[in-house]
Amino acid sequence: MSSTQIDEQLTITHTQIIKALHHLEVSIQKTRLLSVELDALADEQLEAFESLSSRFSRTVDLFTSKWLRAKVLKEEPGFRGSTRDLMNFAEKLELIESSEKWLELKELRNRQAHDYEDSRLSKLFNAIRAESETVLNQLRKIFN
């Protein structure tokens, strides 16, 4: 990817992240007072949690897979590392505060995409609700 292409990717992704942060914040507000016990949720409430989960995943993906990767490639055009390598390099560049935290957020995103058992969904929704605040706060520092 050329430097111009990287700059274009950063500009496009920046705009996408700003929109994603707004949508994530709306979902956080909608689910703030809801129970995470699935049996206690009406369909509309469950839909609100599913929307929060989707928006959390999209925001984490946009930031890590698109924006962070482009920033790292801009600094180190030959970079070809794993996700862990990417996070470590991003922390070294002071793009993120903690590579371990962002690896945890990526793992939570992965669990959300593949966990369908009702017995674990309550814990998953609760974790996503808590970590959505973290994502929102950390990315607002970068993108505001």
N, C-alpha and C. Protein backbone atom coordinates (compact mmCIF):
# COMPACT_ATOMS: atom_id res chain seq x y z
N MET A 1 0.85 -1.17 0.00
CA MET A 1 0.00 0.00 0.00
C MET A 1 0.90 1.24 0.00
N SER A 2 0.62 2.17 -0.89
CA SER A 2 1.42 3.39 -0.99
C SER A 2 1.06 4.35 0.14
N SER A 3 1.91 5.33 0.33
CA SER A 3 1.66 6.34 1.37
C SER A 3 0.35 7.09 1.11
N THR A 4 0.07 7.38 -0.16
CA THR A 4 -1.18 8.05 -0.52
C THR A 4 -2.38 7.18 -0.19
N GLN A 5 -2.29 5.89 -0.50
CA GLN A 5 -3.38 4.96 -0.19
C GLN A 5 -3.59 4.85 1.32
N ILE A 6 -2.50 4.84 2.06
CA ILE A 6 -2.60 4.78 3.52
C ILE A 6 -3.28 6.03 4.05
N ASP A 7 -2.90 7.19 3.54
CA ASP A 7 -3.54 8.44 3.96
C ASP A 7 -5.03 8.44 3.64
N GLU A 8 -5.39 7.94 2.46
CA GLU A 8 -6.80 7.86 2.09
C GLU A 8 -7.55 6.91 3.03
N GLN A 9 -6.93 5.76 3.34
CA GLN A 9 -7.53 4.79 4.25
C GLN A 9 -7.74 5.42 5.63
N LEU A 10 -6.77 6.17 6.10
CA LEU A 10 -6.88 6.82 7.41
C LEU A 10 -8.02 7.84 7.42
N THR A 11 -8.15 8.61 6.36
CA THR A 11 -9.21 9.60 6.27
C THR A 11 -10.59 8.94 6.26
N ILE A 12 -10.74 7.93 5.43
CA ILE A 12 -12.02 7.22 5.34
C ILE A 12 -12.36 6.56 6.68
N THR A 13 -11.39 5.88 7.26
CA THR A 13 -11.63 5.17 8.51
C THR A 13 -11.90 6.13 9.65
N HIS A 14 -11.25 7.27 9.65
CA HIS A 14 -11.50 8.28 10.68
C HIS A 14 -12.98 8.67 10.67
N THR A 15 -13.51 8.93 9.50
CA THR A 15 -14.92 9.30 9.37
C THR A 15 -15.83 8.15 9.83
N GLN A 16 -15.49 6.93 9.44
CA GLN A 16 -16.28 5.76 9.85
C GLN A 16 -16.26 5.58 11.37
N ILE A 17 -15.12 5.81 11.98
CA ILE A 17 -15.01 5.64 13.43
C ILE A 17 -15.83 6.71 14.16
N ILE A 18 -15.80 7.93 13.68
CA ILE A 18 -16.61 8.99 14.31
C ILE A 18 -18.09 8.58 14.30
N LYS A 19 -18.58 8.08 13.16
CA LYS A 19 -19.97 7.63 13.07
C LYS A 19 -20.20 6.43 13.99
N ALA A 20 -19.27 5.49 14.00
CA ALA A 20 -19.40 4.29 14.83
C ALA A 20 -19.44 4.65 16.31
N LEU A 21 -18.65 5.63 16.71
CA LEU A 21 -18.65 6.06 18.11
C LEU A 21 -20.00 6.66 18.50
N HIS A 22 -20.58 7.43 17.60
CA HIS A 22 -21.91 7.99 17.87
C HIS A 22 -22.93 6.86 18.05
N HIS A 23 -22.93 5.91 17.14
CA HIS A 23 -23.87 4.79 17.21
C HIS A 23 -23.63 3.95 18.47
N LEU A 24 -22.38 3.74 18.81
CA LEU A 24 -22.05 2.99 20.02
C LEU A 24 -22.59 3.71 21.26
N GLU A 25 -22.41 5.01 21.29
CA GLU A 25 -22.90 5.78 22.44
C GLU A 25 -24.42 5.70 22.57
N VAL A 26 -25.12 5.74 21.45
CA VAL A 26 -26.59 5.60 21.48
C VAL A 26 -26.97 4.25 22.07
N SER A 27 -26.28 3.19 21.65
CA SER A 27 -26.58 1.85 22.16
C SER A 27 -26.23 1.71 23.63
N ILE A 28 -25.16 2.34 24.06
CA ILE A 28 -24.81 2.31 25.48
C ILE A 28 -25.94 2.94 26.29
N GLN A 29 -26.43 4.07 25.83
CA GLN A 29 -27.52 4.76 26.54
C GLN A 29 -28.79 3.90 26.58
N LYS A 30 -29.10 3.24 25.47
CA LYS A 30 -30.31 2.42 25.41
C LYS A 30 -30.25 1.20 26.33
N THR A 31 -29.05 0.71 26.60
CA THR A 31 -28.91 -0.52 27.40
C THR A 31 -28.44 -0.26 28.83
N ARG A 32 -28.16 0.98 29.14
CA ARG A 32 -27.57 1.33 30.44
C ARG A 32 -28.33 0.76 31.63
N LEU A 33 -29.64 0.84 31.62
CA LEU A 33 -30.44 0.43 32.78
C LEU A 33 -31.11 -0.94 32.59
N LEU A 34 -30.84 -1.60 31.47
CA LEU A 34 -31.48 -2.89 31.22
C LEU A 34 -30.80 -4.01 32.00
N SER A 35 -31.60 -4.97 32.39
CA SER A 35 -31.07 -6.20 32.98
C SER A 35 -30.36 -6.98 31.88
N VAL A 36 -29.35 -7.75 32.26
CA VAL A 36 -28.69 -8.60 31.27
C VAL A 36 -29.18 -10.04 31.37
N GLU A 37 -30.18 -10.28 32.17
CA GLU A 37 -30.79 -11.61 32.26
C GLU A 37 -31.72 -11.78 31.06
N LEU A 38 -31.39 -12.71 30.20
CA LEU A 38 -32.14 -12.85 28.94
C LEU A 38 -33.62 -13.12 29.15
N ASP A 39 -33.95 -13.90 30.16
CA ASP A 39 -35.36 -14.22 30.41
C ASP A 39 -36.16 -12.99 30.80
N ALA A 40 -35.50 -11.97 31.31
CA ALA A 40 -36.19 -10.76 31.77
C ALA A 40 -36.35 -9.72 30.66
N LEU A 41 -35.79 -9.99 29.50
CA LEU A 41 -35.79 -9.00 28.43
C LEU A 41 -36.93 -9.22 27.44
N ALA A 42 -37.59 -8.14 27.09
CA ALA A 42 -38.55 -8.17 25.98
C ALA A 42 -37.75 -8.19 24.68
N ASP A 43 -38.40 -8.52 23.59
CA ASP A 43 -37.72 -8.60 22.30
C ASP A 43 -37.00 -7.30 21.95
N GLU A 44 -37.63 -6.16 22.21
CA GLU A 44 -37.02 -4.86 21.89
C GLU A 44 -35.76 -4.63 22.72
N GLN A 45 -35.78 -5.08 23.97
CA GLN A 45 -34.61 -4.92 24.84
C GLN A 45 -33.48 -5.85 24.39
N LEU A 46 -33.82 -7.06 24.03
CA LEU A 46 -32.81 -7.99 23.52
C LEU A 46 -32.20 -7.43 22.24
N GLU A 47 -33.04 -6.85 21.41
CA GLU A 47 -32.57 -6.22 20.18
C GLU A 47 -31.60 -5.08 20.48
N ALA A 48 -31.86 -4.33 21.53
CA ALA A 48 -30.96 -3.24 21.92
C ALA A 48 -29.59 -3.78 22.32
N PHE A 49 -29.56 -4.90 23.04
CA PHE A 49 -28.28 -5.51 23.40
C PHE A 49 -27.56 -6.07 22.18
N GLU A 50 -28.31 -6.66 21.29
CA GLU A 50 -27.68 -7.19 20.07
C GLU A 50 -27.11 -6.05 19.23
N SER A 51 -27.80 -4.93 19.21
CA SER A 51 -27.30 -3.75 18.50
C SER A 51 -26.03 -3.24 19.16
N LEU A 52 -26.02 -3.18 20.49
CA LEU A 52 -24.82 -2.76 21.21
C LEU A 52 -23.65 -3.67 20.88
N SER A 53 -23.89 -4.98 20.88
CA SER A 53 -22.84 -5.95 20.58
C SER A 53 -22.28 -5.75 19.18
N SER A 54 -23.17 -5.55 18.23
CA SER A 54 -22.76 -5.34 16.85
C SER A 54 -21.96 -4.04 16.70
N ARG A 55 -22.42 -2.99 17.34
CA ARG A 55 -21.75 -1.69 17.24
C ARG A 55 -20.40 -1.71 17.96
N PHE A 56 -20.34 -2.42 19.07
CA PHE A 56 -19.06 -2.61 19.77
C PHE A 56 -18.07 -3.29 18.84
N SER A 57 -18.49 -4.39 18.24
CA SER A 57 -17.61 -5.16 17.35
C SER A 57 -17.15 -4.32 16.16
N ARG A 58 -18.08 -3.60 15.56
CA ARG A 58 -17.73 -2.77 14.41
C ARG A 58 -16.71 -1.70 14.78
N THR A 59 -16.91 -1.08 15.91
CA THR A 59 -16.00 -0.01 16.34
C THR A 59 -14.61 -0.57 16.63
N VAL A 60 -14.55 -1.68 17.34
CA VAL A 60 -13.26 -2.30 17.64
C VAL A 60 -12.56 -2.72 16.35
N ASP A 61 -13.30 -3.31 15.42
CA ASP A 61 -12.71 -3.73 14.14
C ASP A 61 -12.20 -2.55 13.32
N LEU A 62 -13.02 -1.51 13.22
CA LEU A 62 -12.59 -0.34 12.46
C LEU A 62 -11.30 0.24 13.02
N PHE A 63 -11.25 0.35 14.33
CA PHE A 63 -10.08 0.95 14.96
C PHE A 63 -8.84 0.06 14.81
N THR A 64 -8.98 -1.20 15.16
CA THR A 64 -7.79 -2.07 15.18
C THR A 64 -7.38 -2.56 13.80
N SER A 65 -8.33 -3.05 13.04
CA SER A 65 -8.00 -3.67 11.76
C SER A 65 -7.77 -2.68 10.63
N LYS A 66 -8.39 -1.53 10.73
CA LYS A 66 -8.24 -0.55 9.66
C LYS A 66 -7.35 0.62 10.07
N TRP A 67 -7.79 1.39 11.08
CA TRP A 67 -7.08 2.62 11.43
C TRP A 67 -5.70 2.34 12.03
N LEU A 68 -5.65 1.48 13.06
CA LEU A 68 -4.36 1.19 13.69
C LEU A 68 -3.39 0.57 12.71
N ARG A 69 -3.89 -0.39 11.94
CA ARG A 69 -3.01 -1.05 10.96
C ARG A 69 -2.47 -0.03 9.96
N ALA A 70 -3.31 0.88 9.50
CA ALA A 70 -2.85 1.91 8.55
C ALA A 70 -1.82 2.83 9.21
N LYS A 71 -2.06 3.21 10.46
CA LYS A 71 -1.09 4.07 11.17
C LYS A 71 0.25 3.36 11.32
N VAL A 72 0.22 2.09 11.64
CA VAL A 72 1.46 1.33 11.80
C VAL A 72 2.16 1.19 10.44
N LEU A 73 1.40 0.91 9.39
CA LEU A 73 1.99 0.80 8.06
C LEU A 73 2.58 2.13 7.59
N LYS A 74 1.99 3.21 7.98
CA LYS A 74 2.54 4.52 7.63
C LYS A 74 3.91 4.71 8.28
N GLU A 75 4.02 4.26 9.51
CA GLU A 75 5.29 4.38 10.25
C GLU A 75 6.30 3.32 9.81
N GLU A 76 5.81 2.12 9.54
CA GLU A 76 6.67 0.97 9.20
C GLU A 76 6.06 0.24 8.00
N PRO A 77 6.34 0.72 6.77
CA PRO A 77 5.69 0.17 5.58
C PRO A 77 5.84 -1.34 5.39
N GLY A 78 6.86 -1.92 5.93
CA GLY A 78 7.07 -3.36 5.77
C GLY A 78 6.43 -4.20 6.85
N PHE A 79 5.65 -3.61 7.72
CA PHE A 79 5.07 -4.35 8.84
C PHE A 79 4.17 -5.48 8.34
N ARG A 80 4.39 -6.69 8.89
CA ARG A 80 3.60 -7.86 8.51
C ARG A 80 3.29 -8.73 9.72
N GLY A 81 3.15 -8.17 10.88
CA GLY A 81 3.00 -8.96 12.09
C GLY A 81 1.58 -9.41 12.39
N SER A 82 1.47 -10.21 13.44
CA SER A 82 0.20 -10.71 13.94
C SER A 82 -0.57 -9.58 14.62
N THR A 83 -1.77 -9.88 15.07
CA THR A 83 -2.55 -8.89 15.81
C THR A 83 -1.80 -8.47 17.07
N ARG A 84 -1.21 -9.42 17.77
CA ARG A 84 -0.42 -9.10 18.97
C ARG A 84 0.75 -8.18 18.61
N ASP A 85 1.43 -8.48 17.52
CA ASP A 85 2.54 -7.64 17.07
C ASP A 85 2.04 -6.23 16.74
N LEU A 86 0.89 -6.17 16.08
CA LEU A 86 0.30 -4.87 15.73
C LEU A 86 0.02 -4.06 16.98
N MET A 87 -0.61 -4.68 17.95
CA MET A 87 -0.95 -3.97 19.19
C MET A 87 0.31 -3.53 19.94
N ASN A 88 1.30 -4.39 20.00
CA ASN A 88 2.55 -4.03 20.67
C ASN A 88 3.24 -2.86 19.97
N PHE A 89 3.24 -2.89 18.64
CA PHE A 89 3.87 -1.81 17.88
C PHE A 89 3.08 -0.50 18.05
N ALA A 90 1.75 -0.61 18.06
CA ALA A 90 0.90 0.57 18.26
C ALA A 90 1.13 1.18 19.64
N GLU A 91 1.32 0.33 20.64
CA GLU A 91 1.62 0.84 21.98
C GLU A 91 2.99 1.52 21.99
N LYS A 92 3.95 0.91 21.32
CA LYS A 92 5.29 1.50 21.24
C LYS A 92 5.24 2.88 20.57
N LEU A 93 4.36 3.03 19.57
CA LEU A 93 4.19 4.32 18.89
C LEU A 93 3.31 5.28 19.68
N GLU A 94 2.80 4.82 20.82
CA GLU A 94 1.90 5.60 21.69
C GLU A 94 0.58 5.94 21.01
N LEU A 95 0.14 5.05 20.12
CA LEU A 95 -1.17 5.19 19.50
C LEU A 95 -2.26 4.67 20.44
N ILE A 96 -1.89 3.71 21.27
CA ILE A 96 -2.78 3.17 22.30
C ILE A 96 -2.02 3.11 23.61
N GLU A 97 -2.77 3.10 24.70
CA GLU A 97 -2.14 3.07 26.02
C GLU A 97 -1.69 1.67 26.40
N SER A 98 -2.48 0.66 26.02
CA SER A 98 -2.20 -0.71 26.46
C SER A 98 -2.51 -1.71 25.36
N SER A 99 -1.49 -2.40 24.89
CA SER A 99 -1.71 -3.44 23.89
C SER A 99 -2.55 -4.57 24.48
N GLU A 100 -2.30 -4.90 25.75
CA GLU A 100 -3.05 -5.98 26.39
C GLU A 100 -4.54 -5.66 26.45
N LYS A 101 -4.90 -4.42 26.75
CA LYS A 101 -6.31 -4.04 26.81
C LYS A 101 -6.97 -4.20 25.44
N TRP A 102 -6.30 -3.76 24.40
CA TRP A 102 -6.88 -3.87 23.07
C TRP A 102 -6.94 -5.31 22.58
N LEU A 103 -6.01 -6.14 23.02
CA LEU A 103 -6.10 -7.57 22.71
C LEU A 103 -7.31 -8.18 23.42
N GLU A 104 -7.57 -7.76 24.65
CA GLU A 104 -8.76 -8.23 25.38
C GLU A 104 -10.04 -7.78 24.65
N LEU A 105 -10.05 -6.55 24.17
CA LEU A 105 -11.22 -6.04 23.46
C LEU A 105 -11.45 -6.82 22.16
N LYS A 106 -10.38 -7.15 21.47
CA LYS A 106 -10.49 -7.96 20.25
C LYS A 106 -11.02 -9.35 20.59
N GLU A 107 -10.55 -9.92 21.68
CA GLU A 107 -11.01 -11.24 22.10
C GLU A 107 -12.50 -11.19 22.45
N LEU A 108 -12.93 -10.16 23.14
CA LEU A 108 -14.34 -10.00 23.46
C LEU A 108 -15.16 -9.86 22.18
N ARG A 109 -14.66 -9.14 21.23
CA ARG A 109 -15.32 -9.00 19.93
C ARG A 109 -15.44 -10.37 19.27
N ASN A 110 -14.39 -11.17 19.33
CA ASN A 110 -14.42 -12.51 18.74
C ASN A 110 -15.42 -13.42 19.46
N ARG A 111 -15.48 -13.33 20.77
CA ARG A 111 -16.45 -14.12 21.52
C ARG A 111 -17.87 -13.73 21.14
N GLN A 112 -18.10 -12.45 20.96
CA GLN A 112 -19.43 -11.97 20.59
C GLN A 112 -19.84 -12.55 19.25
N ALA A 113 -18.91 -12.67 18.35
CA ALA A 113 -19.23 -13.14 17.00
C ALA A 113 -19.49 -14.65 16.96
N HIS A 114 -19.06 -15.38 17.99
CA HIS A 114 -19.14 -16.85 17.92
C HIS A 114 -19.83 -17.51 19.09
N ASP A 115 -20.37 -16.75 20.03
CA ASP A 115 -20.98 -17.32 21.23
C ASP A 115 -22.49 -17.23 21.12
N TYR A 116 -23.14 -18.37 21.02
CA TYR A 116 -24.58 -18.38 20.80
C TYR A 116 -25.36 -19.02 21.95
N GLU A 117 -24.68 -19.52 22.97
CA GLU A 117 -25.36 -20.19 24.07
C GLU A 117 -25.99 -19.18 25.02
N ASP A 118 -27.29 -19.33 25.26
CA ASP A 118 -28.00 -18.41 26.15
C ASP A 118 -27.36 -18.33 27.52
N SER A 119 -26.83 -19.44 28.01
CA SER A 119 -26.26 -19.45 29.35
C SER A 119 -25.06 -18.52 29.47
N ARG A 120 -24.39 -18.24 28.36
CA ARG A 120 -23.22 -17.37 28.40
C ARG A 120 -23.51 -15.98 27.85
N LEU A 121 -24.63 -15.80 27.19
CA LEU A 121 -24.93 -14.50 26.59
C LEU A 121 -25.11 -13.40 27.63
N SER A 122 -25.68 -13.72 28.77
CA SER A 122 -25.85 -12.69 29.80
C SER A 122 -24.50 -12.13 30.24
N LYS A 123 -23.54 -13.01 30.48
CA LYS A 123 -22.19 -12.56 30.87
C LYS A 123 -21.54 -11.78 29.73
N LEU A 124 -21.74 -12.27 28.52
CA LEU A 124 -21.17 -11.60 27.36
C LEU A 124 -21.76 -10.20 27.19
N PHE A 125 -23.07 -10.06 27.28
CA PHE A 125 -23.71 -8.75 27.17
C PHE A 125 -23.20 -7.80 28.25
N ASN A 126 -23.07 -8.31 29.46
CA ASN A 126 -22.58 -7.48 30.56
C ASN A 126 -21.16 -7.00 30.29
N ALA A 127 -20.30 -7.90 29.81
CA ALA A 127 -18.91 -7.54 29.50
C ALA A 127 -18.86 -6.51 28.37
N ILE A 128 -19.67 -6.73 27.35
CA ILE A 128 -19.69 -5.79 26.21
C ILE A 128 -20.19 -4.43 26.66
N ARG A 129 -21.20 -4.39 27.50
CA ARG A 129 -21.72 -3.11 27.99
C ARG A 129 -20.62 -2.37 28.75
N ALA A 130 -19.89 -3.06 29.61
CA ALA A 130 -18.82 -2.43 30.39
C ALA A 130 -17.68 -1.97 29.49
N GLU A 131 -17.27 -2.82 28.58
CA GLU A 131 -16.13 -2.49 27.72
C GLU A 131 -16.48 -1.49 26.63
N SER A 132 -17.75 -1.37 26.30
CA SER A 132 -18.15 -0.35 25.32
C SER A 132 -17.82 1.04 25.84
N GLU A 133 -17.98 1.23 27.13
CA GLU A 133 -17.60 2.51 27.76
C GLU A 133 -16.10 2.74 27.60
N THR A 134 -15.31 1.69 27.80
CA THR A 134 -13.86 1.80 27.65
C THR A 134 -13.50 2.20 26.23
N VAL A 135 -14.08 1.51 25.25
CA VAL A 135 -13.81 1.81 23.84
C VAL A 135 -14.20 3.25 23.54
N LEU A 136 -15.38 3.64 23.96
CA LEU A 136 -15.87 4.99 23.71
C LEU A 136 -14.92 6.03 24.30
N ASN A 137 -14.54 5.84 25.54
CA ASN A 137 -13.66 6.81 26.21
C ASN A 137 -12.28 6.87 25.58
N GLN A 138 -11.69 5.72 25.28
CA GLN A 138 -10.35 5.73 24.70
C GLN A 138 -10.33 6.30 23.29
N LEU A 139 -11.33 5.95 22.50
CA LEU A 139 -11.34 6.45 21.13
C LEU A 139 -11.75 7.91 21.03
N ARG A 140 -12.55 8.38 21.94
CA ARG A 140 -12.89 9.81 21.95
C ARG A 140 -11.64 10.64 22.20
N LYS A 141 -10.69 10.15 22.99
CA LYS A 141 -9.44 10.85 23.21
C LYS A 141 -8.64 10.99 21.92
N ILE A 142 -8.72 9.98 21.09
CA ILE A 142 -7.96 9.96 19.84
C ILE A 142 -8.68 10.74 18.73
N PHE A 143 -9.99 10.61 18.65
CA PHE A 143 -10.73 11.12 17.49
C PHE A 143 -11.52 12.39 17.75
N ASN A 144 -11.31 13.04 18.87
CA ASN A 144 -11.97 14.33 19.10
C ASN A 144 -10.98 15.46 19.10
